[in-house]
Structures are given as C-alpha cells and as structure tokens.
C-alpha cells in the first residue's frame, strides 16, 4: 500500500495512452508521461520520471569542485530514498477535464473588432450601444487596448463604467488593465473602475 498519502496527483488533461500530462503535486506542477488510461498512476512511472530529471540535473552541474561534490552527494541521497519506495504501487489521481494547451491570449480579430467599433459608433443611444456590446462580449474576448477603444466610444463616463463592467471579465491580457483608466477623466470614475476591475 502506498505509504505517502500526501502525494496526490491532479491531472489537468484526460489521461490517455502514452500521453504527456501536467500534474499538480504538493511541490507544484510537473509534466509526466501517463502510459495508460486510468484513474491511478504507477509509482514505477513516478520513479522513472524522477530518475530522468536527476540525470538531466547531473549533466547541468557547475564545474566548481565544491558545488559538484555537494550536488553529487544530494543526487546519491535522492536515489537512495527512491530505492525505499514501493516499485509498482498504484497512486490514486483525480482527473480534472482541461485543455492540452493554454488558451490563446488574444482578443477579437482586427477586422471583426473594427466592424464592432463602427456599429457602436453608429448606434444612436447609450442603451443601444450597451446592448450591442453585451451581445458581442458573449462570444468574444478583448485585449485591454480594444477595451479602451470601446470605452472611448461612449460619450459619458457613467456609460463607460457600465461598458467596463461588461468588458472586464472578457479581457485576456490582465496585466494591461491599467490602459482602461485612460478612458476616464474624473477621479471618482477611476475609483469606480478600480472596484469593477478588482471584482473581476
């Protein structure tokens, strides 16, 4: 029986035959090879993955005699500890549906975005603009720059804040959210924008 109950692996993608999958361990995410479809992974596979990484680490050791000596000693200790593990136990895993690759971080295609922008500018009233934007946001994502340009279509900051509420959850480059502040002149509007962005 597996003696280290703390080791629980969470697959981010469905396990398939000989598939590379990302797993989450107490020490962080690691990519390993799962040889068969199952809700358990063999400790033999885990040990093999550890040994492969140890070999890479050994090749990357610095030339300094002292650091090489200490690193080699650690490698021997790790291999010794690995020898104590059961060789072919089955460790339970929880399969979490996911994607093989991260989602692309991009907004609307330029041509489609320009058409949307033109439609927003052609709308007669703010309510019509907001309804159109809400519909567009249901099926699209936006960059922060695109969101800023959309906000600037609205004449009043009150309406820009309503538009920001629609756009905020759909912005892909969260590190550029600061660009949205450029669409607001008044400090109280910027404070409200901050609350909207922090809530998404």
N, C-alpha and C. Protein backbone atom coordinates (compact mmCIF):
# COMPACT_ATOMS: atom_id res chain seq x y z
N UNK A 1 0.85 -1.20 0.00
CA UNK A 1 0.00 0.00 0.00
C UNK A 1 0.88 1.24 0.00
N UNK A 2 0.46 2.26 -0.72
CA UNK A 2 1.23 3.50 -0.83
C UNK A 2 1.34 4.16 0.53
N UNK A 3 2.58 4.41 0.95
CA UNK A 3 2.80 4.88 2.31
C UNK A 3 2.86 6.39 2.44
N UNK A 4 2.78 7.11 1.35
CA UNK A 4 2.88 8.57 1.42
C UNK A 4 1.57 9.16 0.92
N UNK A 5 0.60 9.24 1.83
CA UNK A 5 -0.73 9.69 1.44
C UNK A 5 -0.78 11.13 0.97
N UNK A 6 0.29 11.94 1.29
CA UNK A 6 0.27 13.34 0.87
C UNK A 6 0.47 13.48 -0.61
N UNK A 7 0.98 12.46 -1.26
CA UNK A 7 1.26 12.57 -2.69
C UNK A 7 0.01 12.26 -3.48
N UNK A 8 -0.67 13.30 -3.92
CA UNK A 8 -1.88 13.12 -4.71
C UNK A 8 -1.71 13.91 -5.99
N UNK A 9 -1.88 13.27 -7.14
CA UNK A 9 -1.66 13.92 -8.42
C UNK A 9 -2.99 14.31 -9.03
N UNK A 10 -3.04 15.52 -9.59
CA UNK A 10 -4.27 16.00 -10.23
C UNK A 10 -3.98 16.24 -11.70
N UNK A 11 -4.56 15.42 -12.56
CA UNK A 11 -4.32 15.57 -13.99
C UNK A 11 -5.10 16.76 -14.52
N UNK A 12 -4.44 17.59 -15.31
CA UNK A 12 -5.09 18.74 -15.90
C UNK A 12 -5.74 18.37 -17.22
N UNK A 13 -5.28 17.29 -17.84
CA UNK A 13 -5.90 16.82 -19.08
C UNK A 13 -6.26 15.36 -18.90
N UNK A 14 -7.23 14.83 -19.65
CA UNK A 14 -7.61 13.44 -19.51
C UNK A 14 -6.44 12.52 -19.79
N UNK A 15 -6.31 11.46 -18.99
CA UNK A 15 -5.22 10.52 -19.17
C UNK A 15 -5.48 9.64 -20.38
N UNK A 16 -4.53 9.59 -21.29
CA UNK A 16 -4.62 8.75 -22.46
C UNK A 16 -3.36 7.91 -22.55
N UNK A 17 -3.37 6.91 -23.42
CA UNK A 17 -2.23 6.02 -23.58
C UNK A 17 -1.00 6.81 -23.99
N UNK A 18 0.10 6.69 -23.24
CA UNK A 18 1.38 7.33 -23.53
C UNK A 18 1.23 8.81 -23.82
N UNK A 19 0.51 9.50 -22.98
CA UNK A 19 0.29 10.93 -23.19
C UNK A 19 1.03 11.73 -22.14
N UNK A 20 1.63 12.84 -22.58
CA UNK A 20 2.27 13.76 -21.65
C UNK A 20 1.18 14.61 -21.01
N UNK A 21 1.13 14.63 -19.69
CA UNK A 21 0.11 15.38 -19.00
C UNK A 21 0.75 16.22 -17.90
N UNK A 22 0.09 17.31 -17.57
CA UNK A 22 0.55 18.16 -16.48
C UNK A 22 -0.14 17.71 -15.20
N UNK A 23 0.62 17.53 -14.15
CA UNK A 23 0.04 17.12 -12.88
C UNK A 23 0.42 18.13 -11.81
N UNK A 24 -0.44 18.25 -10.81
CA UNK A 24 -0.16 19.14 -9.69
C UNK A 24 0.20 18.32 -8.48
N UNK A 25 1.34 18.61 -7.89
CA UNK A 25 1.81 17.91 -6.71
C UNK A 25 1.96 18.94 -5.59
N UNK A 26 2.21 18.50 -4.36
CA UNK A 26 2.43 19.46 -3.27
C UNK A 26 3.58 20.43 -3.54
N UNK A 27 4.50 20.05 -4.45
CA UNK A 27 5.65 20.90 -4.76
C UNK A 27 5.43 21.75 -6.00
N UNK A 28 4.24 21.64 -6.64
CA UNK A 28 3.98 22.42 -7.84
C UNK A 28 3.62 21.53 -9.02
N UNK A 29 3.42 22.16 -10.18
CA UNK A 29 3.02 21.43 -11.39
C UNK A 29 4.21 20.74 -12.03
N UNK A 30 3.99 19.52 -12.51
CA UNK A 30 5.02 18.73 -13.17
C UNK A 30 4.40 18.03 -14.37
N UNK A 31 5.16 17.91 -15.45
CA UNK A 31 4.69 17.17 -16.62
C UNK A 31 5.27 15.76 -16.59
N UNK A 32 4.40 14.76 -16.70
CA UNK A 32 4.88 13.37 -16.72
C UNK A 32 4.19 12.64 -17.85
N UNK A 33 4.67 11.41 -18.11
CA UNK A 33 4.06 10.57 -19.13
C UNK A 33 3.16 9.54 -18.46
N UNK A 34 1.90 9.51 -18.85
CA UNK A 34 0.96 8.51 -18.35
C UNK A 34 0.83 7.45 -19.42
N UNK A 35 1.15 6.20 -19.09
CA UNK A 35 1.24 5.15 -20.09
C UNK A 35 -0.08 4.51 -20.43
N UNK A 36 -1.09 4.72 -19.60
CA UNK A 36 -2.36 4.07 -19.86
C UNK A 36 -3.50 4.89 -19.28
N UNK A 37 -4.68 4.69 -19.82
CA UNK A 37 -5.85 5.40 -19.33
C UNK A 37 -6.33 4.76 -18.04
N UNK A 38 -6.34 5.55 -16.96
CA UNK A 38 -6.70 5.00 -15.66
C UNK A 38 -6.92 6.16 -14.69
N UNK A 39 -7.51 5.82 -13.55
CA UNK A 39 -7.63 6.84 -12.50
C UNK A 39 -6.50 6.70 -11.49
N UNK A 40 -5.50 5.89 -11.85
CA UNK A 40 -4.32 5.73 -10.99
C UNK A 40 -3.06 5.74 -11.84
N UNK A 41 -1.97 6.18 -11.23
CA UNK A 41 -0.69 6.19 -11.93
C UNK A 41 0.30 5.36 -11.12
N UNK A 42 1.12 4.58 -11.81
CA UNK A 42 2.05 3.67 -11.16
C UNK A 42 3.21 4.44 -10.52
N UNK A 43 3.61 3.99 -9.32
CA UNK A 43 4.79 4.59 -8.70
C UNK A 43 6.03 4.31 -9.55
N UNK A 44 6.00 3.24 -10.34
CA UNK A 44 7.11 2.94 -11.25
C UNK A 44 7.30 4.10 -12.23
N UNK A 45 6.18 4.64 -12.73
CA UNK A 45 6.25 5.77 -13.65
C UNK A 45 6.80 7.02 -12.96
N UNK A 46 6.35 7.23 -11.72
CA UNK A 46 6.82 8.40 -10.97
C UNK A 46 8.32 8.31 -10.73
N UNK A 47 8.78 7.13 -10.32
CA UNK A 47 10.20 6.93 -10.06
C UNK A 47 11.01 7.14 -11.34
N UNK A 48 10.50 6.63 -12.47
CA UNK A 48 11.21 6.80 -13.74
C UNK A 48 11.33 8.28 -14.10
N UNK A 49 10.25 9.03 -13.88
CA UNK A 49 10.28 10.45 -14.19
C UNK A 49 11.29 11.18 -13.30
N UNK A 50 11.35 10.80 -12.03
CA UNK A 50 12.32 11.42 -11.12
C UNK A 50 13.74 11.12 -11.56
N UNK A 51 14.00 9.88 -11.92
CA UNK A 51 15.35 9.48 -12.35
C UNK A 51 15.77 10.23 -13.61
N UNK A 52 14.83 10.42 -14.53
CA UNK A 52 15.15 11.16 -15.75
C UNK A 52 15.56 12.59 -15.42
N UNK A 53 14.87 13.19 -14.47
CA UNK A 53 15.21 14.55 -14.08
C UNK A 53 16.55 14.61 -13.35
N UNK A 54 16.83 13.59 -12.58
CA UNK A 54 18.12 13.55 -11.89
C UNK A 54 19.27 13.47 -12.89
N UNK A 55 19.09 12.71 -13.95
CA UNK A 55 20.13 12.60 -14.98
C UNK A 55 20.39 13.95 -15.64
N UNK A 56 19.30 14.67 -15.92
CA UNK A 56 19.45 16.00 -16.51
C UNK A 56 20.16 16.93 -15.55
N UNK A 57 19.78 16.87 -14.27
CA UNK A 57 20.40 17.71 -13.26
C UNK A 57 21.90 17.42 -13.17
N UNK A 58 22.26 16.16 -13.22
CA UNK A 58 23.67 15.76 -13.12
C UNK A 58 24.48 16.36 -14.26
N UNK A 59 23.88 16.41 -15.45
CA UNK A 59 24.58 16.97 -16.61
C UNK A 59 24.73 18.48 -16.50
N UNK A 60 23.86 19.11 -15.72
CA UNK A 60 23.87 20.57 -15.61
C UNK A 60 24.72 21.09 -14.46
N UNK A 61 25.40 20.19 -13.75
CA UNK A 61 26.17 20.62 -12.58
C UNK A 61 27.28 21.59 -12.96
N UNK A 62 27.55 22.53 -12.08
CA UNK A 62 28.62 23.50 -12.31
C UNK A 62 29.98 22.82 -12.20
N UNK A 63 31.00 23.51 -12.71
CA UNK A 63 32.36 22.95 -12.70
C UNK A 63 33.06 23.14 -11.36
N UNK A 64 32.50 23.96 -10.49
CA UNK A 64 33.12 24.19 -9.19
C UNK A 64 33.22 22.88 -8.43
N UNK A 65 34.42 22.46 -8.01
CA UNK A 65 34.59 21.17 -7.32
C UNK A 65 33.71 21.04 -6.09
N UNK A 66 33.60 22.11 -5.29
CA UNK A 66 32.81 22.04 -4.07
C UNK A 66 31.32 21.84 -4.39
N UNK A 67 30.78 22.64 -5.35
CA UNK A 67 29.36 22.52 -5.69
C UNK A 67 29.07 21.19 -6.36
N UNK A 68 30.02 20.71 -7.20
CA UNK A 68 29.82 19.42 -7.86
C UNK A 68 29.78 18.30 -6.81
N UNK A 69 30.65 18.39 -5.83
CA UNK A 69 30.71 17.34 -4.80
C UNK A 69 29.40 17.32 -4.01
N UNK A 70 28.91 18.49 -3.60
CA UNK A 70 27.68 18.56 -2.81
C UNK A 70 26.48 18.11 -3.64
N UNK A 71 26.44 18.54 -4.91
CA UNK A 71 25.32 18.16 -5.77
C UNK A 71 25.30 16.65 -6.01
N UNK A 72 26.47 16.08 -6.25
CA UNK A 72 26.53 14.63 -6.46
C UNK A 72 26.11 13.87 -5.20
N UNK A 73 26.47 14.41 -4.04
CA UNK A 73 26.06 13.78 -2.79
C UNK A 73 24.54 13.81 -2.66
N UNK A 74 23.93 14.94 -3.00
CA UNK A 74 22.48 15.05 -2.95
C UNK A 74 21.82 14.08 -3.94
N UNK A 75 22.39 13.96 -5.12
CA UNK A 75 21.84 13.03 -6.11
C UNK A 75 21.87 11.60 -5.58
N UNK A 76 22.97 11.23 -4.93
CA UNK A 76 23.07 9.88 -4.35
C UNK A 76 22.02 9.67 -3.27
N UNK A 77 21.81 10.71 -2.45
CA UNK A 77 20.82 10.60 -1.39
C UNK A 77 19.40 10.46 -1.95
N UNK A 78 19.11 11.22 -2.99
CA UNK A 78 17.78 11.14 -3.61
C UNK A 78 17.56 9.75 -4.21
N UNK A 79 18.57 9.25 -4.91
CA UNK A 79 18.44 7.91 -5.49
C UNK A 79 18.27 6.86 -4.39
N UNK A 80 18.98 7.06 -3.26
CA UNK A 80 18.83 6.13 -2.16
C UNK A 80 17.43 6.14 -1.58
N UNK A 81 16.86 7.34 -1.45
CA UNK A 81 15.49 7.44 -0.95
C UNK A 81 14.50 6.83 -1.92
N UNK A 82 14.75 7.02 -3.21
CA UNK A 82 13.86 6.43 -4.22
C UNK A 82 13.84 4.91 -4.11
N UNK A 83 14.95 4.33 -3.75
CA UNK A 83 15.04 2.87 -3.64
C UNK A 83 14.14 2.34 -2.53
N UNK A 84 13.78 3.20 -1.59
CA UNK A 84 12.92 2.78 -0.49
C UNK A 84 11.45 2.75 -0.87
N UNK A 85 11.10 3.40 -2.00
CA UNK A 85 9.70 3.47 -2.40
C UNK A 85 9.24 2.14 -2.99
N UNK A 86 7.97 1.80 -2.79
CA UNK A 86 7.44 0.59 -3.44
C UNK A 86 7.52 0.76 -4.94
N UNK A 87 7.94 -0.29 -5.63
CA UNK A 87 8.26 -0.14 -7.06
C UNK A 87 7.04 -0.12 -7.96
N UNK A 88 5.96 -0.77 -7.58
CA UNK A 88 4.84 -0.84 -8.51
C UNK A 88 3.49 -0.73 -7.82
N UNK A 89 3.37 0.27 -6.95
CA UNK A 89 2.08 0.56 -6.36
C UNK A 89 1.30 1.46 -7.31
N UNK A 90 0.00 1.61 -7.05
CA UNK A 90 -0.83 2.48 -7.87
C UNK A 90 -1.31 3.65 -7.03
N UNK A 91 -0.95 4.87 -7.46
CA UNK A 91 -1.30 6.06 -6.72
C UNK A 91 -2.59 6.64 -7.28
N UNK A 92 -3.59 6.90 -6.44
CA UNK A 92 -4.85 7.45 -6.97
C UNK A 92 -4.66 8.87 -7.48
N UNK A 93 -5.35 9.17 -8.56
CA UNK A 93 -5.32 10.51 -9.12
C UNK A 93 -6.75 10.96 -9.38
N UNK A 94 -6.95 12.26 -9.38
CA UNK A 94 -8.25 12.82 -9.68
C UNK A 94 -8.15 13.49 -11.04
N UNK A 95 -8.95 13.02 -12.00
CA UNK A 95 -8.89 13.57 -13.35
C UNK A 95 -9.74 14.83 -13.41
N UNK A 96 -9.12 15.92 -13.84
CA UNK A 96 -9.81 17.20 -13.98
C UNK A 96 -9.85 17.56 -15.45
N UNK A 97 -11.03 17.64 -16.08
CA UNK A 97 -11.09 17.97 -17.50
C UNK A 97 -10.40 19.29 -17.77
N UNK A 98 -9.66 19.34 -18.87
CA UNK A 98 -8.93 20.56 -19.22
C UNK A 98 -8.53 20.52 -20.67
N UNK A 99 -7.60 21.39 -21.02
CA UNK A 99 -7.15 21.53 -22.39
C UNK A 99 -5.68 21.14 -22.47
N UNK A 100 -5.27 20.60 -23.62
CA UNK A 100 -3.87 20.21 -23.81
C UNK A 100 -2.95 21.42 -23.81
N UNK A 101 -3.45 22.56 -24.31
CA UNK A 101 -2.63 23.75 -24.40
C UNK A 101 -3.38 24.92 -23.76
N UNK A 102 -2.63 25.90 -23.24
CA UNK A 102 -3.31 27.05 -22.66
C UNK A 102 -4.11 27.81 -23.70
N UNK A 103 -5.17 28.46 -23.25
CA UNK A 103 -5.98 29.23 -24.17
C UNK A 103 -5.17 30.35 -24.77
N UNK A 104 -5.39 30.63 -26.07
CA UNK A 104 -4.66 31.74 -26.69
C UNK A 104 -5.03 33.06 -26.05
N UNK A 105 -4.03 33.89 -25.80
CA UNK A 105 -4.27 35.18 -25.18
C UNK A 105 -4.41 36.23 -26.28
N UNK A 106 -5.59 36.29 -26.89
CA UNK A 106 -5.81 37.27 -27.94
C UNK A 106 -7.25 37.73 -27.89
N UNK A 107 -7.47 38.92 -28.37
CA UNK A 107 -8.81 39.46 -28.40
C UNK A 107 -9.48 39.20 -29.73
N UNK A 108 -10.41 40.07 -30.09
CA UNK A 108 -11.11 39.93 -31.36
C UNK A 108 -10.15 40.11 -32.53
N UNK A 109 -10.44 39.44 -33.64
CA UNK A 109 -9.67 39.66 -34.86
C UNK A 109 -9.82 41.12 -35.27
N UNK A 110 -8.76 41.74 -35.78
CA UNK A 110 -8.80 43.18 -36.09
C UNK A 110 -9.98 43.60 -36.96
N UNK A 111 -10.27 42.82 -38.01
CA UNK A 111 -11.36 43.20 -38.91
C UNK A 111 -12.70 43.16 -38.18
N UNK A 112 -12.95 42.10 -37.42
CA UNK A 112 -14.20 41.98 -36.68
C UNK A 112 -14.31 43.07 -35.63
N UNK A 113 -13.19 43.40 -35.00
CA UNK A 113 -13.23 44.44 -33.97
C UNK A 113 -13.57 45.80 -34.57
N UNK A 114 -13.00 46.11 -35.72
CA UNK A 114 -13.28 47.39 -36.35
C UNK A 114 -14.75 47.49 -36.76
N UNK A 115 -15.33 46.36 -37.19
CA UNK A 115 -16.76 46.36 -37.53
C UNK A 115 -17.61 46.62 -36.29
N UNK A 116 -17.23 45.98 -35.18
CA UNK A 116 -17.96 46.19 -33.92
C UNK A 116 -17.86 47.65 -33.49
N UNK A 117 -16.67 48.20 -33.60
CA UNK A 117 -16.46 49.59 -33.20
C UNK A 117 -17.33 50.53 -34.04
N UNK A 118 -17.42 50.25 -35.32
CA UNK A 118 -18.24 51.08 -36.20
C UNK A 118 -19.72 50.96 -35.83
N UNK A 119 -20.15 49.75 -35.51
CA UNK A 119 -21.55 49.56 -35.10
C UNK A 119 -21.86 50.33 -33.82
N UNK A 120 -20.92 50.32 -32.89
CA UNK A 120 -21.12 51.05 -31.64
C UNK A 120 -21.20 52.56 -31.90
N UNK A 121 -20.36 53.04 -32.79
CA UNK A 121 -20.36 54.46 -33.11
C UNK A 121 -21.64 54.86 -33.84
N UNK A 122 -22.20 53.95 -34.61
CA UNK A 122 -23.42 54.26 -35.37
C UNK A 122 -24.68 54.20 -34.53
N UNK A 123 -24.60 53.52 -33.38
CA UNK A 123 -25.78 53.41 -32.52
C UNK A 123 -26.15 54.79 -31.97
N UNK A 124 -27.45 55.07 -31.92
CA UNK A 124 -27.91 56.41 -31.56
C UNK A 124 -27.87 56.68 -30.06
N UNK A 125 -28.12 55.66 -29.25
CA UNK A 125 -28.24 55.87 -27.80
C UNK A 125 -27.30 54.94 -27.04
N UNK A 126 -26.94 55.35 -25.83
CA UNK A 126 -26.04 54.57 -24.99
C UNK A 126 -26.62 53.20 -24.68
N UNK A 127 -27.92 53.14 -24.44
CA UNK A 127 -28.56 51.85 -24.15
C UNK A 127 -28.40 50.88 -25.32
N UNK A 128 -28.51 51.41 -26.54
CA UNK A 128 -28.32 50.57 -27.72
C UNK A 128 -26.88 50.11 -27.82
N UNK A 129 -25.95 50.98 -27.51
CA UNK A 129 -24.54 50.63 -27.54
C UNK A 129 -24.22 49.54 -26.52
N UNK A 130 -24.78 49.68 -25.33
CA UNK A 130 -24.53 48.70 -24.27
C UNK A 130 -25.13 47.35 -24.62
N UNK A 131 -26.31 47.34 -25.21
CA UNK A 131 -26.93 46.07 -25.63
C UNK A 131 -26.09 45.39 -26.69
N UNK A 132 -25.61 46.16 -27.65
CA UNK A 132 -24.76 45.61 -28.70
C UNK A 132 -23.46 45.07 -28.12
N UNK A 133 -22.88 45.81 -27.19
CA UNK A 133 -21.62 45.38 -26.57
C UNK A 133 -21.83 44.10 -25.76
N UNK A 134 -22.93 44.03 -25.04
CA UNK A 134 -23.22 42.83 -24.24
C UNK A 134 -23.33 41.60 -25.13
N UNK A 135 -23.97 41.75 -26.28
CA UNK A 135 -24.10 40.63 -27.22
C UNK A 135 -22.73 40.23 -27.77
N UNK A 136 -21.92 41.21 -28.14
CA UNK A 136 -20.59 40.93 -28.68
C UNK A 136 -19.69 40.26 -27.65
N UNK A 137 -19.81 40.70 -26.40
CA UNK A 137 -18.95 40.15 -25.34
C UNK A 137 -19.30 38.71 -24.99
N UNK A 138 -20.51 38.30 -25.31
CA UNK A 138 -20.92 36.92 -25.02
C UNK A 138 -20.09 35.92 -25.81
N UNK A 139 -19.64 36.31 -27.00
CA UNK A 139 -18.96 35.37 -27.89
C UNK A 139 -17.52 35.77 -28.22
N UNK A 140 -17.02 36.83 -27.58
CA UNK A 140 -15.68 37.31 -27.91
C UNK A 140 -14.89 37.67 -26.66
N UNK A 141 -13.57 37.74 -26.85
CA UNK A 141 -12.69 38.29 -25.82
C UNK A 141 -12.02 39.53 -26.40
N UNK A 142 -11.42 40.33 -25.52
CA UNK A 142 -10.85 41.60 -25.95
C UNK A 142 -9.48 41.81 -25.30
N UNK A 143 -8.61 42.51 -26.01
CA UNK A 143 -7.39 42.98 -25.38
C UNK A 143 -7.72 44.25 -24.60
N UNK A 144 -6.84 44.63 -23.69
CA UNK A 144 -7.07 45.86 -22.92
C UNK A 144 -7.13 47.07 -23.85
N UNK A 145 -6.32 47.06 -24.89
CA UNK A 145 -6.33 48.17 -25.85
C UNK A 145 -7.67 48.25 -26.58
N UNK A 146 -8.19 47.10 -26.99
CA UNK A 146 -9.50 47.08 -27.63
C UNK A 146 -10.58 47.58 -26.68
N UNK A 147 -10.51 47.15 -25.42
CA UNK A 147 -11.48 47.59 -24.42
C UNK A 147 -11.42 49.10 -24.23
N UNK A 148 -10.21 49.64 -24.19
CA UNK A 148 -10.05 51.08 -24.04
C UNK A 148 -10.71 51.82 -25.21
N UNK A 149 -10.50 51.34 -26.42
CA UNK A 149 -11.09 51.99 -27.60
C UNK A 149 -12.62 51.92 -27.55
N UNK A 150 -13.15 50.80 -27.07
CA UNK A 150 -14.61 50.68 -26.94
C UNK A 150 -15.14 51.68 -25.93
N UNK A 151 -14.48 51.80 -24.79
CA UNK A 151 -14.93 52.73 -23.76
C UNK A 151 -14.98 54.16 -24.29
N UNK A 152 -14.02 54.50 -25.12
CA UNK A 152 -13.93 55.87 -25.63
C UNK A 152 -15.04 56.19 -26.62
N UNK A 153 -15.78 55.18 -27.08
CA UNK A 153 -16.91 55.43 -27.97
C UNK A 153 -18.06 56.08 -27.20
N UNK A 154 -18.16 55.76 -25.91
CA UNK A 154 -19.27 56.28 -25.09
C UNK A 154 -18.99 57.73 -24.69
N UNK A 155 -20.04 58.56 -24.76
CA UNK A 155 -19.87 59.99 -24.50
C UNK A 155 -19.74 60.32 -23.02
N UNK A 156 -20.42 59.56 -22.16
CA UNK A 156 -20.45 59.89 -20.74
C UNK A 156 -19.74 58.80 -19.92
N UNK A 157 -19.06 59.24 -18.87
CA UNK A 157 -18.28 58.31 -18.06
C UNK A 157 -19.16 57.30 -17.33
N UNK A 158 -20.37 57.70 -17.02
CA UNK A 158 -21.30 56.78 -16.38
C UNK A 158 -21.57 55.58 -17.29
N UNK A 159 -21.72 55.85 -18.58
CA UNK A 159 -21.94 54.77 -19.54
C UNK A 159 -20.66 53.98 -19.78
N UNK A 160 -19.53 54.66 -19.71
CA UNK A 160 -18.25 53.97 -19.87
C UNK A 160 -18.04 52.96 -18.73
N UNK A 161 -18.48 53.31 -17.54
CA UNK A 161 -18.37 52.39 -16.41
C UNK A 161 -19.26 51.16 -16.62
N UNK A 162 -20.46 51.39 -17.17
CA UNK A 162 -21.34 50.25 -17.47
C UNK A 162 -20.70 49.35 -18.51
N UNK A 163 -20.06 49.97 -19.52
CA UNK A 163 -19.37 49.18 -20.54
C UNK A 163 -18.19 48.43 -19.95
N UNK A 164 -17.49 49.07 -19.00
CA UNK A 164 -16.34 48.42 -18.35
C UNK A 164 -16.78 47.17 -17.59
N UNK A 165 -17.96 47.21 -16.97
CA UNK A 165 -18.48 46.04 -16.27
C UNK A 165 -18.71 44.87 -17.23
N UNK A 166 -19.13 45.19 -18.44
CA UNK A 166 -19.36 44.14 -19.44
C UNK A 166 -18.02 43.59 -19.94
N UNK A 167 -17.07 44.48 -20.15
CA UNK A 167 -15.79 44.10 -20.76
C UNK A 167 -14.82 43.42 -19.80
N UNK A 168 -14.81 43.84 -18.55
CA UNK A 168 -13.78 43.42 -17.59
C UNK A 168 -13.54 41.90 -17.55
N UNK A 169 -14.59 41.06 -17.46
CA UNK A 169 -14.32 39.62 -17.39
C UNK A 169 -13.83 39.02 -18.69
N UNK A 170 -13.90 39.78 -19.79
CA UNK A 170 -13.56 39.25 -21.11
C UNK A 170 -12.21 39.73 -21.61
N UNK A 171 -11.47 40.46 -20.76
CA UNK A 171 -10.16 40.98 -21.17
C UNK A 171 -9.09 39.93 -20.93
N UNK A 172 -8.30 39.61 -21.97
CA UNK A 172 -7.37 38.49 -21.88
C UNK A 172 -6.01 38.87 -21.30
N UNK A 173 -5.55 40.08 -21.55
CA UNK A 173 -4.23 40.49 -21.05
C UNK A 173 -4.40 41.33 -19.79
N UNK A 174 -4.63 40.63 -18.68
CA UNK A 174 -4.96 41.31 -17.43
C UNK A 174 -3.85 42.24 -16.96
N UNK A 175 -2.62 41.99 -17.37
CA UNK A 175 -1.52 42.85 -16.95
C UNK A 175 -1.59 44.24 -17.57
N UNK A 176 -2.47 44.41 -18.56
CA UNK A 176 -2.61 45.71 -19.22
C UNK A 176 -3.90 46.43 -18.87
N UNK A 177 -4.57 45.99 -17.82
CA UNK A 177 -5.83 46.62 -17.42
C UNK A 177 -5.69 48.11 -17.13
N UNK A 178 -4.49 48.53 -16.79
CA UNK A 178 -4.28 49.95 -16.47
C UNK A 178 -4.63 50.86 -17.63
N UNK A 179 -4.65 50.32 -18.84
CA UNK A 179 -4.97 51.13 -20.02
C UNK A 179 -6.40 51.66 -19.96
N UNK A 180 -7.28 50.93 -19.28
CA UNK A 180 -8.68 51.36 -19.22
C UNK A 180 -8.85 52.68 -18.48
N UNK A 181 -7.92 52.97 -17.58
CA UNK A 181 -8.03 54.22 -16.82
C UNK A 181 -7.88 55.44 -17.73
N UNK A 182 -7.23 55.26 -18.87
CA UNK A 182 -7.03 56.38 -19.79
C UNK A 182 -8.35 56.86 -20.40
N UNK A 183 -9.39 56.03 -20.32
CA UNK A 183 -10.69 56.42 -20.88
C UNK A 183 -11.50 57.26 -19.90
N UNK A 184 -10.95 57.51 -18.71
CA UNK A 184 -11.70 58.26 -17.69
C UNK A 184 -10.92 59.48 -17.24
N UNK A 185 -11.65 60.58 -17.08
CA UNK A 185 -11.03 61.84 -16.69
C UNK A 185 -11.18 62.13 -15.21
N UNK A 186 -12.32 61.75 -14.63
CA UNK A 186 -12.62 62.12 -13.25
C UNK A 186 -12.16 61.05 -12.27
N UNK A 187 -11.67 61.49 -11.11
CA UNK A 187 -11.11 60.57 -10.12
C UNK A 187 -12.16 59.62 -9.55
N UNK A 188 -13.39 60.11 -9.36
CA UNK A 188 -14.41 59.21 -8.81
C UNK A 188 -14.75 58.10 -9.80
N UNK A 189 -14.70 58.41 -11.09
CA UNK A 189 -14.93 57.38 -12.11
C UNK A 189 -13.81 56.35 -12.08
N UNK A 190 -12.60 56.83 -11.90
CA UNK A 190 -11.45 55.91 -11.85
C UNK A 190 -11.53 55.00 -10.63
N UNK A 191 -12.02 55.54 -9.53
CA UNK A 191 -12.18 54.72 -8.33
C UNK A 191 -13.23 53.63 -8.55
N UNK A 192 -14.32 54.00 -9.22
CA UNK A 192 -15.35 53.01 -9.53
C UNK A 192 -14.83 51.97 -10.51
N UNK A 193 -14.01 52.41 -11.47
CA UNK A 193 -13.40 51.47 -12.41
C UNK A 193 -12.51 50.48 -11.67
N UNK A 194 -11.75 50.97 -10.71
CA UNK A 194 -10.89 50.09 -9.92
C UNK A 194 -11.70 49.01 -9.22
N UNK A 195 -12.83 49.39 -8.66
CA UNK A 195 -13.70 48.42 -7.99
C UNK A 195 -14.21 47.36 -8.98
N UNK A 196 -14.55 47.82 -10.18
CA UNK A 196 -15.04 46.89 -11.21
C UNK A 196 -13.94 45.90 -11.58
N UNK A 197 -12.73 46.40 -11.81
CA UNK A 197 -11.62 45.54 -12.24
C UNK A 197 -11.21 44.58 -11.13
N UNK A 198 -11.21 45.05 -9.90
CA UNK A 198 -10.85 44.17 -8.78
C UNK A 198 -11.89 43.10 -8.53
N UNK A 199 -13.13 43.37 -8.95
CA UNK A 199 -14.18 42.37 -8.79
C UNK A 199 -14.23 41.34 -9.89
N UNK A 200 -13.36 41.49 -10.88
CA UNK A 200 -13.30 40.53 -11.98
C UNK A 200 -11.92 39.97 -12.12
